[in-house]
C-alpha atoms as a PDB file:
ATOM      1  CA  UNK A   1      68.318  67.890  81.958  1.00  0.00           C
ATOM      2  CA  UNK A   2      68.724  67.876  85.820  1.00  0.00           C
ATOM      3  CA  UNK A   3      67.290  65.337  87.703  1.00  0.00           C
ATOM      4  CA  UNK A   4      66.404  65.747  91.724  1.00  0.00           C
ATOM      5  CA  UNK A   5      65.950  62.530  93.051  1.00  0.00           C
ATOM      6  CA  UNK A   6      64.577  63.651  96.309  1.00  0.00           C
ATOM      7  CA  UNK A   7      62.664  67.085  97.217  1.00  0.00           C
ATOM      8  CA  UNK A   8      62.377  67.266 100.865  1.00  0.00           C
ATOM      9  CA  UNK A   9      59.543  70.313 101.973  1.00  0.00           C
ATOM     10  CA  UNK A  10      58.254  71.081 104.957  1.00  0.00           C
ATOM     11  CA  UNK A  11      54.551  73.260 103.798  1.00  0.00           C
ATOM     12  CA  UNK A  12      54.193  72.744 101.020  1.00  0.00           C
ATOM     13  CA  UNK A  13      52.112  75.755  99.541  1.00  0.00           C
ATOM     14  CA  UNK A  14      50.514  75.699  95.569  1.00  0.00           C
ATOM     15  CA  UNK A  15      53.555  75.941  92.717  1.00  0.00           C
ATOM     16  CA  UNK A  16      53.243  78.203  89.839  1.00  0.00           C
ATOM     17  CA  UNK A  17      57.532  78.279  89.187  1.00  0.00           C
ATOM     18  CA  UNK A  18      59.868  75.929  89.710  1.00  0.00           C
ATOM     19  CA  UNK A  19      63.742  77.016  89.118  1.00  0.00           C
ATOM     20  CA  UNK A  20      67.087  74.914  90.066  1.00  0.00           C
ATOM     21  CA  UNK A  21      70.008  76.281  91.469  1.00  0.00           C
ATOM     22  CA  UNK A  22      72.782  73.413  92.601  1.00  0.00           C
ATOM     23  CA  UNK A  23      70.067  71.285  92.413  1.00  0.00           C
ATOM     24  CA  UNK A  24      68.177  73.015  94.772  1.00  0.00           C
ATOM     25  CA  UNK A  25      64.091  73.897  94.447  1.00  0.00           C
ATOM     26  CA  UNK A  26      61.998  77.044  95.242  1.00  0.00           C
ATOM     27  CA  UNK A  27      58.740  76.782  94.772  1.00  0.00           C
ATOM     28  CA  UNK A  28      56.076  79.098  95.118  1.00  0.00           C
ATOM     29  CA  UNK A  29      52.002  79.953  94.369  1.00  0.00           C
ATOM     30  CA  UNK A  30      50.580  77.725  91.150  1.00  0.00           C
ATOM     31  CA  UNK A  31      49.542  74.048  91.673  1.00  0.00           C
ATOM     32  CA  UNK A  32      51.472  71.298  93.613  1.00  0.00           C
ATOM     33  CA  UNK A  33      54.027  68.912  91.220  1.00  0.00           C
ATOM     34  CA  UNK A  34      53.775  65.562  90.960  1.00  0.00           C
ATOM     35  CA  UNK A  35      56.341  62.667  90.567  1.00  0.00           C
ATOM     36  CA  UNK A  36      58.184  62.507  87.257  1.00  0.00           C
ATOM     37  CA  UNK A  37      56.578  66.027  86.446  1.00  0.00           C
ATOM     38  CA  UNK A  38      58.684  67.754  84.256  1.00  0.00           C
ATOM     39  CA  UNK A  39      58.884  71.379  84.011  1.00  0.00           C
ATOM     40  CA  UNK A  40      62.212  73.906  82.845  1.00  0.00           C
ATOM     41  CA  UNK A  41      63.825  71.125  82.076  1.00  0.00           C
ATOM     42  CA  UNK A  42      63.736  69.267  85.304  1.00  0.00           C
ATOM     43  CA  UNK A  43      62.910  65.834  86.307  1.00  0.00           C
ATOM     44  CA  UNK A  44      61.487  65.256  89.501  1.00  0.00           C
ATOM     45  CA  UNK A  45      61.703  62.047  90.967  1.00  0.00           C
ATOM     46  CA  UNK A  46      60.458  61.958  94.593  1.00  0.00           C
ATOM     47  CA  UNK A  47      59.178  64.560  96.879  1.00  0.00           C
ATOM     48  CA  UNK A  48      57.774  64.497 100.339  1.00  0.00           C
ATOM     49  CA  UNK A  49      56.444  66.867 103.424  1.00  0.00           C
ATOM     50  CA  UNK A  50      59.482  66.569 105.578  1.00  0.00           C
ATOM     51  CA  UNK A  51      62.193  68.437 106.631  1.00  0.00           C
ATOM     52  CA  UNK A  52      61.731  71.972 106.983  1.00  0.00           C
ATOM     53  CA  UNK A  53      58.772  73.570 108.464  1.00  0.00           C
ATOM     54  CA  UNK A  54      58.925  76.920 105.985  1.00  0.00           C
ATOM     55  CA  UNK A  55      58.893  77.276 102.806  1.00  0.00           C
ATOM     56  CA  UNK A  56      61.790  77.803 100.482  1.00  0.00           C
ATOM     57  CA  UNK A  57      64.290  77.135 103.019  1.00  0.00           C
ATOM     58  CA  UNK A  58      67.557  78.560 102.946  1.00  0.00           C
ATOM     59  CA  UNK A  59      70.189  75.858 103.214  1.00  0.00           C
ATOM     60  CA  UNK A  60      73.357  79.317 102.767  1.00  0.00           C
ATOM     61  CA  UNK A  61      76.208  77.789 104.949  1.00  0.00           C
ATOM     62  CA  UNK A  62      77.216  80.106 106.881  1.00  0.00           C
ATOM     63  CA  UNK A  63      81.485  81.283 107.122  1.00  0.00           C
ATOM     64  CA  UNK A  64      83.185  80.302 110.316  1.00  0.00           C
ATOM     65  CA  UNK A  65      83.711  82.878 112.814  1.00  0.00           C
ATOM     66  CA  UNK A  66      80.559  84.418 111.317  1.00  0.00           C
ATOM     67  CA  UNK A  67      78.934  86.566 114.681  1.00  0.00           C
ATOM     68  CA  UNK A  68      75.801  88.944 115.169  1.00  0.00           C
ATOM     69  CA  UNK A  69      76.868  92.551 113.531  1.00  0.00           C
ATOM     70  CA  UNK A  70      78.603  90.944 110.725  1.00  0.00           C
ATOM     71  CA  UNK A  71      77.872  92.338 107.393  1.00  0.00           C
ATOM     72  CA  UNK A  72      77.083  88.883 105.002  1.00  0.00           C
ATOM     73  CA  UNK A  73      74.280  87.632 102.934  1.00  0.00           C
ATOM     74  CA  UNK A  74      73.080  90.570 101.504  1.00  0.00           C
ATOM     75  CA  UNK A  75      72.423  92.691 104.806  1.00  0.00           C
ATOM     76  CA  UNK A  76      73.476  92.693 108.675  1.00  0.00           C
ATOM     77  CA  UNK A  77      73.426  89.325 110.980  1.00  0.00           C
ATOM     78  CA  UNK A  78      71.030  89.717 113.777  1.00  0.00           C
ATOM     79  CA  UNK A  79      70.968  86.021 114.965  1.00  0.00           C
ATOM     80  CA  UNK A  80      73.022  83.122 115.250  1.00  0.00           C
ATOM     81  CA  UNK A  81      71.311  80.135 117.067  1.00  0.00           C
ATOM     82  CA  UNK A  82      73.706  77.854 119.046  1.00  0.00           C
ATOM     83  CA  UNK A  83      74.960  75.853 116.201  1.00  0.00           C
ATOM     84  CA  UNK A  84      76.262  78.663 114.913  1.00  0.00           C
ATOM     85  CA  UNK A  85      74.863  77.661 111.443  1.00  0.00           C
ATOM     86  CA  UNK A  86      71.216  78.686 111.584  1.00  0.00           C
ATOM     87  CA  UNK A  87      70.284  82.324 111.632  1.00  0.00           C
ATOM     88  CA  UNK A  88      68.751  85.815 110.328  1.00  0.00           C
ATOM     89  CA  UNK A  89      69.500  88.151 108.211  1.00  0.00           C
ATOM     90  CA  UNK A  90      68.331  92.152 108.233  1.00  0.00           C
ATOM     91  CA  UNK A  91      68.806  93.913 105.297  1.00  0.00           C
ATOM     92  CA  UNK A  92      70.990  97.328 105.764  1.00  0.00           C
ATOM     93  CA  UNK A  93      68.879 100.763 106.845  1.00  0.00           C
ATOM     94  CA  UNK A  94      69.273 101.696 103.119  1.00  0.00           C
ATOM     95  CA  UNK A  95      66.567  99.116 101.717  1.00  0.00           C
ATOM     96  CA  UNK A  96      63.502 100.112 104.373  1.00  0.00           C
ATOM     97  CA  UNK A  97      61.034 101.064 102.561  1.00  0.00           C
ATOM     98  CA  UNK A  98      58.853 103.996 102.712  1.00  0.00           C
ATOM     99  CA  UNK A  99      55.526 104.511 105.365  1.00  0.00           C
ATOM    100  CA  UNK A 100      53.617 101.325 104.182  1.00  0.00           C
ATOM    101  CA  UNK A 101      50.515  99.554 105.028  1.00  0.00           C
ATOM    102  CA  UNK A 102      50.098  96.269 106.030  1.00  0.00           C
ATOM    103  CA  UNK A 103      46.826  95.503 103.593  1.00  0.00           C
ATOM    104  CA  UNK A 104      44.600  97.558 102.057  1.00  0.00           C
ATOM    105  CA  UNK A 105      41.407  96.754 103.344  1.00  0.00           C
ATOM    106  CA  UNK A 106      40.628  95.299 106.616  1.00  0.00           C
ATOM    107  CA  UNK A 107      41.182  91.639 106.082  1.00  0.00           C
ATOM    108  CA  UNK A 108      42.023  88.689 108.673  1.00  0.00           C
ATOM    109  CA  UNK A 109      44.442  86.764 106.707  1.00  0.00           C
ATOM    110  CA  UNK A 110      44.335  83.686 109.795  1.00  0.00           C
ATOM    111  CA  UNK A 111      46.828  82.328 111.637  1.00  0.00           C
ATOM    112  CA  UNK A 112      50.277  83.863 111.575  1.00  0.00           C
ATOM    113  CA  UNK A 113      53.292  83.194 114.117  1.00  0.00           C
ATOM    114  CA  UNK A 114      54.939  85.649 116.254  1.00  0.00           C
ATOM    115  CA  UNK A 115      57.757  83.126 115.857  1.00  0.00           C
ATOM    116  CA  UNK A 116      60.482  81.223 117.306  1.00  0.00           C
ATOM    117  CA  UNK A 117      60.131  81.092 120.731  1.00  0.00           C
ATOM    118  CA  UNK A 118      56.505  81.878 121.590  1.00  0.00           C
ATOM    119  CA  UNK A 119      54.962  79.371 123.394  1.00  0.00           C
ATOM    120  CA  UNK A 120      52.033  78.179 121.448  1.00  0.00           C
ATOM    121  CA  UNK A 121      54.206  77.346 118.397  1.00  0.00           C
ATOM    122  CA  UNK A 122      56.457  74.298 118.485  1.00  0.00           C
ATOM    123  CA  UNK A 123      58.170  74.751 115.422  1.00  0.00           C
ATOM    124  CA  UNK A 124      60.243  77.200 113.827  1.00  0.00           C
ATOM    125  CA  UNK A 125      58.188  79.696 112.119  1.00  0.00           C
ATOM    126  CA  UNK A 126      59.836  81.993 110.093  1.00  0.00           C
ATOM    127  CA  UNK A 127      58.498  85.474 108.670  1.00  0.00           C
ATOM    128  CA  UNK A 128      58.698  83.725 105.208  1.00  0.00           C
ATOM    129  CA  UNK A 129      56.079  81.498 106.278  1.00  0.00           C
ATOM    130  CA  UNK A 130      53.761  84.544 107.430  1.00  0.00           C
ATOM    131  CA  UNK A 131      54.724  86.663 104.543  1.00  0.00           C
ATOM    132  CA  UNK A 132      53.762  83.250 102.214  1.00  0.00           C
ATOM    133  CA  UNK A 133      50.659  83.202 104.197  1.00  0.00           C
ATOM    134  CA  UNK A 134      49.697  87.203 104.024  1.00  0.00           C
ATOM    135  CA  UNK A 135      50.745  86.874  99.676  1.00  0.00           C
ATOM    136  CA  UNK A 136      48.337  83.724  99.308  1.00  0.00           C
ATOM    137  CA  UNK A 137      45.474  85.520 100.902  1.00  0.00           C
ATOM    138  CA  UNK A 138      45.146  88.465  98.862  1.00  0.00           C
ATOM    139  CA  UNK A 139      46.034  86.757  95.707  1.00  0.00           C
ATOM    140  CA  UNK A 140      42.627  86.490  94.114  1.00  0.00           C
ATOM    141  CA  UNK A 141      41.833  89.687  95.820  1.00  0.00           C
ATOM    142  CA  UNK A 142      41.437  93.320  94.335  1.00  0.00           C
ATOM    143  CA  UNK A 143      43.062  94.261  97.343  1.00  0.00           C
ATOM    144  CA  UNK A 144      46.848  94.008  98.739  1.00  0.00           C
ATOM    145  CA  UNK A 145      49.652  93.668 101.149  1.00  0.00           C
ATOM    146  CA  UNK A 146      52.182  96.323 100.335  1.00  0.00           C
ATOM    147  CA  UNK A 147      54.710  95.188 103.441  1.00  0.00           C
ATOM    148  CA  UNK A 148      54.740  91.690 102.462  1.00  0.00           C
ATOM    149  CA  UNK A 149      55.043  92.199  98.757  1.00  0.00           C
ATOM    150  CA  UNK A 150      57.787  94.897  99.521  1.00  0.00           C
ATOM    151  CA  UNK A 151      59.753  92.140 100.765  1.00  0.00           C
ATOM    152  CA  UNK A 152      58.427  89.226  98.609  1.00  0.00           C
ATOM    153  CA  UNK A 153      59.483  91.744  95.645  1.00  0.00           C
ATOM    154  CA  UNK A 154      63.136  93.327  96.574  1.00  0.00           C
ATOM    155  CA  UNK A 155      66.178  91.970  95.309  1.00  0.00           C
ATOM    156  CA  UNK A 156      69.412  92.871  97.232  1.00  0.00           C
ATOM    157  CA  UNK A 157      72.822  92.020  96.338  1.00  0.00           C
ATOM    158  CA  UNK A 158      71.214  89.307  94.179  1.00  0.00           C
ATOM    159  CA  UNK A 159      69.384  87.592  97.259  1.00  0.00           C
ATOM    160  CA  UNK A 160      65.517  87.273  95.970  1.00  0.00           C
ATOM    161  CA  UNK A 161      64.144  85.268  98.962  1.00  0.00           C
ATOM    162  CA  UNK A 162      63.446  88.379 101.634  1.00  0.00           C
ATOM    163  CA  UNK A 163      59.985  88.517 103.735  1.00  0.00           C
ATOM    164  CA  UNK A 164      58.247  90.688 106.083  1.00  0.00           C
ATOM    165  CA  UNK A 165      59.566  89.577 109.992  1.00  0.00           C
ATOM    166  CA  UNK A 166      58.264  87.427 112.597  1.00  0.00           C
ATOM    167  CA  UNK A 167      57.822  90.054 115.984  1.00  0.00           C
ATOM    168  CA  UNK A 168      60.457  87.483 117.445  1.00  0.00           C
ATOM    169  CA  UNK A 169      62.494  88.245 114.819  1.00  0.00           C
ATOM    170  CA  UNK A 170      62.747  91.820 114.545  1.00  0.00           C
ATOM    171  CA  UNK A 171      63.252  91.905 118.477  1.00  0.00           C
ATOM    172  CA  UNK A 172      66.342  89.868 117.539  1.00  0.00           C
ATOM    173  CA  UNK A 173      67.760  93.496 115.612  1.00  0.00           C
ATOM    174  CA  UNK A 174      66.800  95.456 118.398  1.00  0.00           C
ATOM    175  CA  UNK A 175      70.362  96.172 119.466  1.00  0.00           C
ATOM    176  CA  UNK A 176      71.675  96.768 116.219  1.00  0.00           C
ATOM    177  CA  UNK A 177      69.158  99.150 115.178  1.00  0.00           C
ATOM    178  CA  UNK A 178      69.190 100.653 118.494  1.00  0.00           C
ATOM    179  CA  UNK A 179      73.403 101.951 117.721  1.00  0.00           C
ATOM    180  CA  UNK A 180      72.959 101.892 114.171  1.00  0.00           C
ATOM    181  CA  UNK A 181      69.393 103.095 112.359  1.00  0.00           C
ATOM    182  CA  UNK A 182      68.034 106.287 112.204  1.00  0.00           C
ATOM    183  CA  UNK A 183      66.187 107.876 115.269  1.00  0.00           C
ATOM    184  CA  UNK A 184      63.564 109.024 113.089  1.00  0.00           C
ATOM    185  CA  UNK A 185      62.280 105.825 112.126  1.00  0.00           C
ATOM    186  CA  UNK A 186      59.730 104.379 114.878  1.00  0.00           C
ATOM    187  CA  UNK A 187      57.626 102.193 113.456  1.00  0.00           C
ATOM    188  CA  UNK A 188      58.702  98.930 111.773  1.00  0.00           C
ATOM    189  CA  UNK A 189      55.859  96.238 110.245  1.00  0.00           C
ATOM    190  CA  UNK A 190      56.287  92.479 111.391  1.00  0.00           C
ATOM    191  CA  UNK A 191      53.913  89.835 109.620  1.00  0.00           C
ATOM    192  CA  UNK A 192      52.010  89.099 112.859  1.00  0.00           C
ATOM    193  CA  UNK A 193      48.229  90.148 112.411  1.00  0.00           C
ATOM    194  CA  UNK A 194      46.338  90.874 115.469  1.00  0.00           C
ATOM    195  CA  UNK A 195      43.050  90.922 114.564  1.00  0.00           C
ATOM    196  CA  UNK A 196      40.910  91.641 110.796  1.00  0.00           C
ATOM    197  CA  UNK A 197      42.012  95.456 111.400  1.00  0.00           C
ATOM    198  CA  UNK A 198      45.296  95.706 112.790  1.00  0.00           C
ATOM    199  CA  UNK A 199      48.573  94.094 112.924  1.00  0.00           C
ATOM    200  CA  UNK A 200      51.824  94.331 114.924  1.00  0.00           C
ATOM    201  CA  UNK A 201      54.673  96.643 114.290  1.00  0.00           C
ATOM    202  CA  UNK A 202      57.863  97.028 116.596  1.00  0.00           C
ATOM    203  CA  UNK A 203      57.872 100.621 118.119  1.00  0.00           C
ATOM    204  CA  UNK A 204      61.111 102.197 119.009  1.00  0.00           C
ATOM    205  CA  UNK A 205      60.952 104.655 122.278  1.00  0.00           C
ATOM    206  CA  UNK A 206      63.418 107.328 121.513  1.00  0.00           C
ATOM    207  CA  UNK A 207      66.009 108.574 124.420  1.00  0.00           C
ATOM    208  CA  UNK A 208      63.907 106.668 127.233  1.00  0.00           C
ATOM    209  CA  UNK A 209      64.555 108.710 130.565  1.00  0.00           C
ATOM    210  CA  UNK A 210      66.260 111.367 129.028  1.00  0.00           C
ATOM    211  CA  UNK A 211      69.439 108.870 128.821  1.00  0.00           C
ATOM    212  CA  UNK A 212      70.512 109.025 125.503  1.00  0.00           C
ATOM    213  CA  UNK A 213      70.539 106.048 122.617  1.00  0.00           C
ATOM    214  CA  UNK A 214      71.642 103.645 124.388  1.00  0.00           C
ATOM    215  CA  UNK A 215      68.540 103.675 126.093  1.00  0.00           C
ATOM    216  CA  UNK A 216      65.922 103.927 123.725  1.00  0.00           C
ATOM    217  CA  UNK A 217      63.658 100.915 124.015  1.00  0.00           C
ATOM    218  CA  UNK A 218      61.581  98.681 121.887  1.00  0.00           C
ATOM    219  CA  UNK A 219      57.722  97.571 121.726  1.00  0.00           C
ATOM    220  CA  UNK A 220      55.335  95.331 120.281  1.00  0.00           C
ATOM    221  CA  UNK A 221      52.588  97.208 119.431  1.00  0.00           C
ATOM    222  CA  UNK A 222      49.404  96.879 117.303  1.00  0.00           C
ATOM    223  CA  UNK A 223      48.443  99.550 114.188  1.00  0.00           C
ATOM    224  CA  UNK A 224      46.316  99.567 112.225  1.00  0.00           C
ATOM    225  CA  UNK A 225      46.702  97.715 108.828  1.00  0.00           C
ATOM    226  CA  UNK A 226      45.062 100.435 106.581  1.00  0.00           C
ATOM    227  CA  UNK A 227      46.817 103.218 108.358  1.00  0.00           C
ATOM    228  CA  UNK A 228      47.972 105.587 105.775  1.00  0.00           C
ATOM    229  CA  UNK A 229      49.566 108.066 107.923  1.00  0.00           C
ATOM    230  CA  UNK A 230      52.913 107.918 106.663  1.00  0.00           C
ATOM    231  CA  UNK A 231      54.145 106.469 110.104  1.00  0.00           C
ATOM    232  CA  UNK A 232      55.339 102.559 110.042  1.00  0.00           C
ATOM    233  CA  UNK A 233      57.935 101.426 107.468  1.00  0.00           C
ATOM    234  CA  UNK A 234      59.196  97.740 106.696  1.00  0.00           C
ATOM    235  CA  UNK A 235      62.685  96.273 107.357  1.00  0.00           C
ATOM    236  CA  UNK A 236      63.158  93.224 105.234  1.00  0.00           C
ATOM    237  CA  UNK A 237      64.747  89.852 106.858  1.00  0.00           C
ATOM    238  CA  UNK A 238      66.240  86.707 105.226  1.00  0.00           C
ATOM    239  CA  UNK A 239      67.233  83.394 106.855  1.00  0.00           C
ATOM    240  CA  UNK A 240      69.927  81.219 106.773  1.00  0.00           C
ATOM    241  CA  UNK A 241      71.472  77.462 107.379  1.00  0.00           C
ATOM    242  CA  UNK A 242      67.951  75.682 107.474  1.00  0.00           C
END
């Protein structure tokens, strides 16, 4: 049996499964654990709510010299913070979804954050937090969020911790998308909702000013959640070094 002396969590969501990989704990959906619970051969001796503000923090340590644009961690590195140890990874173009609804009904999830640098957010809220909130909202409903489910269910190069990005995270990938992704893909869903009927997506404005791909611009706009006319797609993200 593995013995975990202390499990430190940020935003505790109810738990429906627990596995161990090198003594790291992964939690998602169900009921909260108590000290001394024994599940799947694991002995939980203590837990608290300090540490990372995010669910299922990814503690992968990046290699020395890793830079934006490098291929690593199942995708493309699109952001690294000043420490050089924390950042975001975007899946490759081949893993972009078909056109998906943000949700299959008009429904208000509640608070979702636009991301790290929003003046109203003092904590590093990332797309994984939003995605978990979206999934939790629909878990007891007949409706669902195809956009969030796509990210939550995909496995790329063995990594299964992908999520629907915030608007802030999408904009970190602007330069890479501009220069490497097909210009026929115009809209990318984010995990930020506007209201009951609309959610935010990043829109690519092609050939801005008629000057070529390097002048393509990107803006954040609101789009109807249940829209099914085949335009808005999903590109999964994951984080590292939390």
